[in-house]
Amino acid sequence: MHPDLEALLALQERDRVVGAVEKSFDALIPEEQALDAELAGHTKALEDADRGAAGAEARRAELEARIAGYQRMQETRRQQLEYVRDAKEASTLTADLDLARSVLVKEEAEFMRSGDAIVEAQKKVKDLQKAHDAVVAKQAEARAALEAKRAELNEQLAAAKAERAEATKAVASALLVRYERIRRGRAPQAVFALRQDACGHCNTGVPLQRRAEIQQGHSIESCEVCGVLLYAEG
């Protein structure tokens, strides 16, 4: 066995452990996303209901202001009618009063309905707030469990990275550079055992002389095709 091989394989094992912990972090994501999506749906419904209630109140205030305006106009016309002596002008004012009265009746009816709309909108907000609060309460335990798991994984990851850093110290610097460069590529790992006479990663045949060097432990060779480091088992 090449003198650096044991240290190299130990480093690769430490990287495997780090990778496994990182995958455990990734495994938490779907559950967290599901919780967030559920809560977001209830939050949006509540926000929409709040806007609906605010709109209903604004509509009622608008109607109230318009009704007050119509009433002032009616009072002004009635006062004018008291002083009008011309029959034609009096007839015109009377017609205006009748028309404005019919409009005012419609506006007042709409104002009454707007009160019902506010009550209904506020009830909807109250119901959706209860539903939202229920979801938050229901999710509290699940989110706490996720946070506890994340805290545990953070500890595991910190320990695994510390062990990984310690393992790098045993690898020759030039070999470590090669190893790290390969890990940044597409191969799932940097070091592979020979598979009979071929690379254990890409299955490309290794020339006899180079294979002999690897098997005798004289050198740690790279695959000519995929670039991974090769060693002979056992």
C-alpha atoms as a PDB file:
ATOM      1  CA  MET A   1       0.000   0.000   0.000  1.00  0.00           C
ATOM      2  CA  HIS A   2       1.218   3.485  -0.823  1.00  0.00           C
ATOM      3  CA  PRO A   3       2.230   5.286   2.399  1.00  0.00           C
ATOM      4  CA  ASP A   4      -0.215   8.171   1.754  1.00  0.00           C
ATOM      5  CA  LEU A   5      -3.159   5.988   0.815  1.00  0.00           C
ATOM      6  CA  GLU A   6      -4.386   5.264   4.326  1.00  0.00           C
ATOM      7  CA  ALA A   7      -4.438   8.983   5.186  1.00  0.00           C
ATOM      8  CA  LEU A   8      -6.174   9.761   1.887  1.00  0.00           C
ATOM      9  CA  LEU A   9      -8.882   7.170   2.438  1.00  0.00           C
ATOM     10  CA  ALA A  10      -9.355   8.393   6.011  1.00  0.00           C
ATOM     11  CA  LEU A  11      -9.873  11.921   4.660  1.00  0.00           C
ATOM     12  CA  GLN A  12     -12.365  10.641   2.116  1.00  0.00           C
ATOM     13  CA  GLU A  13     -14.269   8.877   4.908  1.00  0.00           C
ATOM     14  CA  ARG A  14     -14.402  12.158   6.842  1.00  0.00           C
ATOM     15  CA  ASP A  15     -15.768  13.858   3.700  1.00  0.00           C
ATOM     16  CA  ARG A  16     -18.372  11.112   3.424  1.00  0.00           C
ATOM     17  CA  VAL A  17     -19.508  11.834   6.978  1.00  0.00           C
ATOM     18  CA  VAL A  18     -19.665  15.590   6.301  1.00  0.00           C
ATOM     19  CA  GLY A  19     -21.678  14.913   3.148  1.00  0.00           C
ATOM     20  CA  ALA A  20     -24.082  12.635   5.007  1.00  0.00           C
ATOM     21  CA  VAL A  21     -24.790  15.306   7.624  1.00  0.00           C
ATOM     22  CA  GLU A  22     -25.321  17.923   4.904  1.00  0.00           C
ATOM     23  CA  LYS A  23     -27.792  15.582   3.201  1.00  0.00           C
ATOM     24  CA  SER A  24     -29.623  15.274   6.511  1.00  0.00           C
ATOM     25  CA  PHE A  25     -29.979  19.053   6.487  1.00  0.00           C
ATOM     26  CA  ASP A  26     -31.408  18.865   2.967  1.00  0.00           C
ATOM     27  CA  ALA A  27     -33.883  16.213   4.129  1.00  0.00           C
ATOM     28  CA  LEU A  28     -35.416  18.779   6.510  1.00  0.00           C
ATOM     29  CA  ILE A  29     -36.211  21.213   3.701  1.00  0.00           C
ATOM     30  CA  PRO A  30     -39.364  19.556   2.251  1.00  0.00           C
ATOM     31  CA  GLU A  31     -41.019  19.350   5.673  1.00  0.00           C
ATOM     32  CA  GLU A  32     -40.176  22.968   6.435  1.00  0.00           C
ATOM     33  CA  GLN A  33     -41.396  24.078   3.017  1.00  0.00           C
ATOM     34  CA  ALA A  34     -44.678  22.209   3.546  1.00  0.00           C
ATOM     35  CA  LEU A  35     -45.198  23.973   6.880  1.00  0.00           C
ATOM     36  CA  ASP A  36     -44.347  27.344   5.334  1.00  0.00           C
ATOM     37  CA  ALA A  37     -46.704  26.760   2.407  1.00  0.00           C
ATOM     38  CA  GLU A  38     -49.580  25.806   4.710  1.00  0.00           C
ATOM     39  CA  LEU A  39     -49.015  28.850   6.911  1.00  0.00           C
ATOM     40  CA  ALA A  40     -48.576  31.150   3.903  1.00  0.00           C
ATOM     41  CA  GLY A  41     -51.957  30.052   2.530  1.00  0.00           C
ATOM     42  CA  HIS A  42     -53.706  30.932   5.788  1.00  0.00           C
ATOM     43  CA  THR A  43     -51.767  34.188   6.107  1.00  0.00           C
ATOM     44  CA  LYS A  44     -52.752  35.280   2.594  1.00  0.00           C
ATOM     45  CA  ALA A  45     -56.410  34.420   3.223  1.00  0.00           C
ATOM     46  CA  LEU A  46     -56.332  36.478   6.422  1.00  0.00           C
ATOM     47  CA  GLU A  47     -54.632  39.423   4.690  1.00  0.00           C
ATOM     48  CA  ASP A  48     -57.206  39.314   1.885  1.00  0.00           C
ATOM     49  CA  ALA A  49     -60.009  39.274   4.450  1.00  0.00           C
ATOM     50  CA  ASP A  50     -58.444  42.231   6.291  1.00  0.00           C
ATOM     51  CA  ARG A  51     -58.338  44.183   3.021  1.00  0.00           C
ATOM     52  CA  GLY A  52     -61.931  43.191   2.329  1.00  0.00           C
ATOM     53  CA  ALA A  53     -63.050  44.459   5.745  1.00  0.00           C
ATOM     54  CA  ALA A  54     -61.117  47.697   5.277  1.00  0.00           C
ATOM     55  CA  GLY A  55     -62.704  48.108   1.847  1.00  0.00           C
ATOM     56  CA  ALA A  56     -66.184  47.574   3.288  1.00  0.00           C
ATOM     57  CA  GLU A  57     -65.559  50.202   5.953  1.00  0.00           C
ATOM     58  CA  ALA A  58     -64.179  52.623   3.369  1.00  0.00           C
ATOM     59  CA  ARG A  59     -67.262  52.053   1.190  1.00  0.00           C
ATOM     60  CA  ARG A  60     -69.567  52.826   4.120  1.00  0.00           C
ATOM     61  CA  ALA A  61     -67.619  56.005   4.947  1.00  0.00           C
ATOM     62  CA  GLU A  62     -67.843  57.055   1.284  1.00  0.00           C
ATOM     63  CA  LEU A  63     -71.607  56.459   1.244  1.00  0.00           C
ATOM     64  CA  GLU A  64     -72.019  58.366   4.496  1.00  0.00           C
ATOM     65  CA  ALA A  65     -70.160  61.357   3.070  1.00  0.00           C
ATOM     66  CA  ARG A  66     -72.224  61.286  -0.144  1.00  0.00           C
ATOM     67  CA  ILE A  67     -75.491  61.048   1.765  1.00  0.00           C
ATOM     68  CA  ALA A  68     -74.490  64.018   3.903  1.00  0.00           C
ATOM     69  CA  GLY A  69     -73.695  65.945   0.727  1.00  0.00           C
ATOM     70  CA  TYR A  70     -77.088  65.065  -0.822  1.00  0.00           C
ATOM     71  CA  GLN A  71     -78.860  66.101   2.382  1.00  0.00           C
ATOM     72  CA  ARG A  72     -77.123  69.475   2.387  1.00  0.00           C
ATOM     73  CA  MET A  73     -78.087  69.982  -1.253  1.00  0.00           C
ATOM     74  CA  GLN A  74     -81.685  69.041  -0.468  1.00  0.00           C
ATOM     75  CA  GLU A  75     -81.833  71.494   2.403  1.00  0.00           C
ATOM     76  CA  THR A  76     -80.410  74.243   0.177  1.00  0.00           C
ATOM     77  CA  ARG A  77     -83.039  73.549  -2.529  1.00  0.00           C
ATOM     78  CA  ARG A  78     -85.856  73.534   0.032  1.00  0.00           C
ATOM     79  CA  GLN A  79     -84.712  76.887   1.362  1.00  0.00           C
ATOM     80  CA  GLN A  80     -84.500  78.253  -2.184  1.00  0.00           C
ATOM     81  CA  LEU A  81     -88.007  76.955  -2.914  1.00  0.00           C
ATOM     82  CA  GLU A  82     -89.443  78.972  -0.035  1.00  0.00           C
ATOM     83  CA  TYR A  83     -88.318  82.205  -1.676  1.00  0.00           C
ATOM     84  CA  VAL A  84     -89.057  81.373  -5.295  1.00  0.00           C
ATOM     85  CA  ARG A  85     -92.075  83.144  -6.789  1.00  0.00           C
ATOM     86  CA  ASP A  86     -91.603  82.168 -10.411  1.00  0.00           C
ATOM     87  CA  ALA A  87     -93.719  79.086 -11.169  1.00  0.00           C
ATOM     88  CA  LYS A  88     -91.291  77.694 -13.736  1.00  0.00           C
ATOM     89  CA  GLU A  89     -88.318  78.047 -11.438  1.00  0.00           C
ATOM     90  CA  ALA A  90     -90.332  76.546  -8.594  1.00  0.00           C
ATOM     91  CA  SER A  91     -91.276  73.601 -10.809  1.00  0.00           C
ATOM     92  CA  THR A  92     -87.635  73.024 -11.722  1.00  0.00           C
ATOM     93  CA  LEU A  93     -86.537  73.100  -8.081  1.00  0.00           C
ATOM     94  CA  THR A  94     -89.350  70.711  -7.132  1.00  0.00           C
ATOM     95  CA  ALA A  95     -88.290  68.301  -9.874  1.00  0.00           C
ATOM     96  CA  ASP A  96     -84.685  68.521  -8.652  1.00  0.00           C
ATOM     97  CA  LEU A  97     -85.849  67.829  -5.118  1.00  0.00           C
ATOM     98  CA  ASP A  98     -87.819  64.763  -6.219  1.00  0.00           C
ATOM     99  CA  LEU A  99     -84.936  63.415  -8.269  1.00  0.00           C
ATOM    100  CA  ALA A 100     -82.430  64.019  -5.492  1.00  0.00           C
ATOM    101  CA  ARG A 101     -84.819  62.384  -3.005  1.00  0.00           C
ATOM    102  CA  SER A 102     -84.975  59.214  -5.089  1.00  0.00           C
ATOM    103  CA  VAL A 103     -81.196  59.175  -5.368  1.00  0.00           C
ATOM    104  CA  LEU A 104     -80.897  59.749  -1.628  1.00  0.00           C
ATOM    105  CA  VAL A 105     -83.250  56.853  -0.907  1.00  0.00           C
ATOM    106  CA  LYS A 106     -81.060  54.526  -2.995  1.00  0.00           C
ATOM    107  CA  GLU A 107     -77.899  55.776  -1.317  1.00  0.00           C
ATOM    108  CA  GLU A 108     -79.417  55.305   2.149  1.00  0.00           C
ATOM    109  CA  ALA A 109     -80.490  51.762   1.239  1.00  0.00           C
ATOM    110  CA  GLU A 110     -76.963  51.049   0.026  1.00  0.00           C
ATOM    111  CA  PHE A 111     -75.629  52.556   3.268  1.00  0.00           C
ATOM    112  CA  MET A 112     -77.765  50.141   5.293  1.00  0.00           C
ATOM    113  CA  ARG A 113     -76.518  47.190   3.240  1.00  0.00           C
ATOM    114  CA  SER A 114     -72.948  48.361   3.726  1.00  0.00           C
ATOM    115  CA  GLY A 115     -73.362  47.839   7.457  1.00  0.00           C
ATOM    116  CA  ASP A 116     -74.266  44.204   6.847  1.00  0.00           C
ATOM    117  CA  ALA A 117     -71.262  43.893   4.522  1.00  0.00           C
ATOM    118  CA  ILE A 118     -68.961  45.180   7.283  1.00  0.00           C
ATOM    119  CA  VAL A 119     -70.385  42.736   9.812  1.00  0.00           C
ATOM    120  CA  GLU A 120     -69.919  39.871   7.359  1.00  0.00           C
ATOM    121  CA  ALA A 121     -66.382  40.985   6.470  1.00  0.00           C
ATOM    122  CA  GLN A 122     -65.402  41.322  10.124  1.00  0.00           C
ATOM    123  CA  LYS A 123     -66.844  37.876  10.875  1.00  0.00           C
ATOM    124  CA  LYS A 124     -64.764  36.454   8.036  1.00  0.00           C
ATOM    125  CA  VAL A 125     -61.641  38.101   9.450  1.00  0.00           C
ATOM    126  CA  LYS A 126     -62.395  36.698  12.896  1.00  0.00           C
ATOM    127  CA  ASP A 127     -62.947  33.181  11.542  1.00  0.00           C
ATOM    128  CA  LEU A 128     -59.793  33.283   9.437  1.00  0.00           C
ATOM    129  CA  GLN A 129     -57.787  34.657  12.363  1.00  0.00           C
ATOM    130  CA  LYS A 130     -58.912  31.679  14.431  1.00  0.00           C
ATOM    131  CA  ALA A 131     -57.929  29.310  11.617  1.00  0.00           C
ATOM    132  CA  HIS A 132     -54.556  31.046  11.278  1.00  0.00           C
ATOM    133  CA  ASP A 133     -53.901  30.858  15.015  1.00  0.00           C
ATOM    134  CA  ALA A 134     -54.886  27.177  15.009  1.00  0.00           C
ATOM    135  CA  VAL A 135     -52.374  26.432  12.240  1.00  0.00           C
ATOM    136  CA  VAL A 136     -49.622  28.306  14.095  1.00  0.00           C
ATOM    137  CA  ALA A 137     -50.410  26.344  17.265  1.00  0.00           C
ATOM    138  CA  LYS A 138     -50.577  23.052  15.363  1.00  0.00           C
ATOM    139  CA  GLN A 139     -47.239  23.717  13.674  1.00  0.00           C
ATOM    140  CA  ALA A 140     -45.456  24.813  16.847  1.00  0.00           C
ATOM    141  CA  GLU A 141     -44.487  21.283  17.860  1.00  0.00           C
ATOM    142  CA  ALA A 142     -43.367  20.327  14.353  1.00  0.00           C
ATOM    143  CA  ARG A 143     -41.299  23.494  13.987  1.00  0.00           C
ATOM    144  CA  ALA A 144     -39.741  22.982  17.411  1.00  0.00           C
ATOM    145  CA  ALA A 145     -38.806  19.433  16.418  1.00  0.00           C
ATOM    146  CA  LEU A 146     -37.255  20.747  13.200  1.00  0.00           C
ATOM    147  CA  GLU A 147     -35.235  23.337  15.105  1.00  0.00           C
ATOM    148  CA  ALA A 148     -34.053  20.710  17.571  1.00  0.00           C
ATOM    149  CA  LYS A 149     -33.010  18.442  14.713  1.00  0.00           C
ATOM    150  CA  ARG A 150     -31.259  21.330  12.980  1.00  0.00           C
ATOM    151  CA  ALA A 151     -29.380  22.196  16.178  1.00  0.00           C
ATOM    152  CA  GLU A 152     -28.333  18.572  16.560  1.00  0.00           C
ATOM    153  CA  LEU A 153     -27.166  18.430  12.946  1.00  0.00           C
ATOM    154  CA  ASN A 154     -25.227  21.672  13.385  1.00  0.00           C
ATOM    155  CA  GLU A 155     -23.313  20.047  16.223  1.00  0.00           C
ATOM    156  CA  GLN A 156     -22.710  16.926  14.148  1.00  0.00           C
ATOM    157  CA  LEU A 157     -21.577  19.007  11.171  1.00  0.00           C
ATOM    158  CA  ALA A 158     -19.195  21.089  13.273  1.00  0.00           C
ATOM    159  CA  ALA A 159     -17.672  17.902  14.728  1.00  0.00           C
ATOM    160  CA  ALA A 160     -17.436  16.234  11.310  1.00  0.00           C
ATOM    161  CA  LYS A 161     -15.755  19.281   9.782  1.00  0.00           C
ATOM    162  CA  ALA A 162     -13.296  19.456  12.681  1.00  0.00           C
ATOM    163  CA  GLU A 163     -12.397  15.786  12.162  1.00  0.00           C
ATOM    164  CA  ARG A 164     -12.108  16.438   8.438  1.00  0.00           C
ATOM    165  CA  ALA A 165      -9.736  19.363   9.043  1.00  0.00           C
ATOM    166  CA  GLU A 166      -7.626  17.162  11.320  1.00  0.00           C
ATOM    167  CA  ALA A 167      -7.537  14.407   8.676  1.00  0.00           C
ATOM    168  CA  THR A 168      -6.137  16.785   6.042  1.00  0.00           C
ATOM    169  CA  LYS A 169      -3.008  17.259   8.156  1.00  0.00           C
ATOM    170  CA  ALA A 170      -1.984  13.651   7.536  1.00  0.00           C
ATOM    171  CA  VAL A 171      -2.167  13.977   3.728  1.00  0.00           C
ATOM    172  CA  ALA A 172       0.846  15.178   1.759  1.00  0.00           C
ATOM    173  CA  SER A 173       0.246  18.722   0.526  1.00  0.00           C
ATOM    174  CA  ALA A 174       0.676  17.960  -3.197  1.00  0.00           C
ATOM    175  CA  LEU A 175      -1.664  14.980  -2.938  1.00  0.00           C
ATOM    176  CA  LEU A 176      -4.167  17.043  -0.970  1.00  0.00           C
ATOM    177  CA  VAL A 177      -4.221  19.645  -3.738  1.00  0.00           C
ATOM    178  CA  ARG A 178      -5.010  16.925  -6.303  1.00  0.00           C
ATOM    179  CA  TYR A 179      -7.664  15.454  -4.029  1.00  0.00           C
ATOM    180  CA  GLU A 180      -9.420  18.797  -3.439  1.00  0.00           C
ATOM    181  CA  ARG A 181      -9.368  19.619  -7.156  1.00  0.00           C
ATOM    182  CA  ILE A 182     -11.035  16.316  -8.025  1.00  0.00           C
ATOM    183  CA  ARG A 183     -13.695  16.838  -5.331  1.00  0.00           C
ATOM    184  CA  ARG A 184     -14.680  20.100  -7.004  1.00  0.00           C
ATOM    185  CA  GLY A 185     -15.454  18.166 -10.195  1.00  0.00           C
ATOM    186  CA  ARG A 186     -18.342  15.876 -11.092  1.00  0.00           C
ATOM    187  CA  ALA A 187     -17.141  12.635  -9.533  1.00  0.00           C
ATOM    188  CA  PRO A 188     -19.061  11.547  -6.398  1.00  0.00           C
ATOM    189  CA  GLN A 189     -15.739  11.075  -4.603  1.00  0.00           C
ATOM    190  CA  ALA A 190     -12.052  11.560  -5.340  1.00  0.00           C
ATOM    191  CA  VAL A 191     -10.537   8.134  -4.636  1.00  0.00           C
ATOM    192  CA  PHE A 192     -11.733   4.857  -6.196  1.00  0.00           C
ATOM    193  CA  ALA A 193     -10.486   1.301  -6.010  1.00  0.00           C
ATOM    194  CA  LEU A 194      -9.510  -0.471  -9.186  1.00  0.00           C
ATOM    195  CA  ARG A 195     -12.246  -2.713 -10.544  1.00  0.00           C
ATOM    196  CA  GLN A 196     -10.145  -5.590 -11.892  1.00  0.00           C
ATOM    197  CA  ASP A 197      -8.165  -3.797 -14.624  1.00  0.00           C
ATOM    198  CA  ALA A 198     -10.358  -0.686 -14.888  1.00  0.00           C
ATOM    199  CA  CYS A 199     -11.132   2.582 -13.114  1.00  0.00           C
ATOM    200  CA  GLY A 200     -13.696   2.028 -10.372  1.00  0.00           C
ATOM    201  CA  HIS A 201     -15.495   5.243 -11.337  1.00  0.00           C
ATOM    202  CA  CYS A 202     -15.726   5.388 -15.142  1.00  0.00           C
ATOM    203  CA  ASN A 203     -14.760   1.772 -15.874  1.00  0.00           C
ATOM    204  CA  THR A 204     -12.020   2.852 -18.272  1.00  0.00           C
ATOM    205  CA  GLY A 205      -9.221   0.303 -18.624  1.00  0.00           C
ATOM    206  CA  VAL A 206      -5.939   1.207 -16.870  1.00  0.00           C
ATOM    207  CA  PRO A 207      -2.717   0.416 -18.790  1.00  0.00           C
ATOM    208  CA  LEU A 208      -0.819  -2.570 -17.432  1.00  0.00           C
ATOM    209  CA  GLN A 209       2.266  -0.640 -16.306  1.00  0.00           C
ATOM    210  CA  ARG A 210       0.296   1.994 -14.447  1.00  0.00           C
ATOM    211  CA  ARG A 211      -1.939  -0.673 -12.953  1.00  0.00           C
ATOM    212  CA  ALA A 212       1.141  -2.501 -11.698  1.00  0.00           C
ATOM    213  CA  GLU A 213       2.450   0.697 -10.095  1.00  0.00           C
ATOM    214  CA  ILE A 214      -0.900   1.142  -8.302  1.00  0.00           C
ATOM    215  CA  GLN A 215      -1.134  -2.485  -7.185  1.00  0.00           C
ATOM    216  CA  GLN A 216       2.424  -2.513  -5.858  1.00  0.00           C
ATOM    217  CA  GLY A 217       1.774   0.706  -3.920  1.00  0.00           C
ATOM    218  CA  HIS A 218       4.520   2.606  -5.690  1.00  0.00           C
ATOM    219  CA  SER A 219       2.262   5.531  -6.657  1.00  0.00           C
ATOM    220  CA  ILE A 220      -1.275   6.877  -6.503  1.00  0.00           C
ATOM    221  CA  GLU A 221      -2.285   7.320 -10.126  1.00  0.00           C
ATOM    222  CA  SER A 222      -5.115   9.292 -11.718  1.00  0.00           C
ATOM    223  CA  CYS A 223      -7.558   7.843 -14.211  1.00  0.00           C
ATOM    224  CA  GLU A 224      -6.654   9.135 -17.679  1.00  0.00           C
ATOM    225  CA  VAL A 225     -10.336   9.711 -18.522  1.00  0.00           C
ATOM    226  CA  CYS A 226     -12.212  10.903 -15.434  1.00  0.00           C
ATOM    227  CA  GLY A 227      -9.227  12.046 -13.357  1.00  0.00           C
ATOM    228  CA  VAL A 228     -10.048  10.316 -10.074  1.00  0.00           C
ATOM    229  CA  LEU A 229      -7.302   8.856  -7.908  1.00  0.00           C
ATOM    230  CA  LEU A 230      -6.965   5.066  -8.059  1.00  0.00           C
ATOM    231  CA  TYR A 231      -5.769   2.444  -5.575  1.00  0.00           C
ATOM    232  CA  ALA A 232      -5.758  -1.340  -5.327  1.00  0.00           C
ATOM    233  CA  GLU A 233      -7.767  -2.986  -2.580  1.00  0.00           C
ATOM    234  CA  GLY A 234      -6.521  -5.630  -0.186  1.00  0.00           C
END
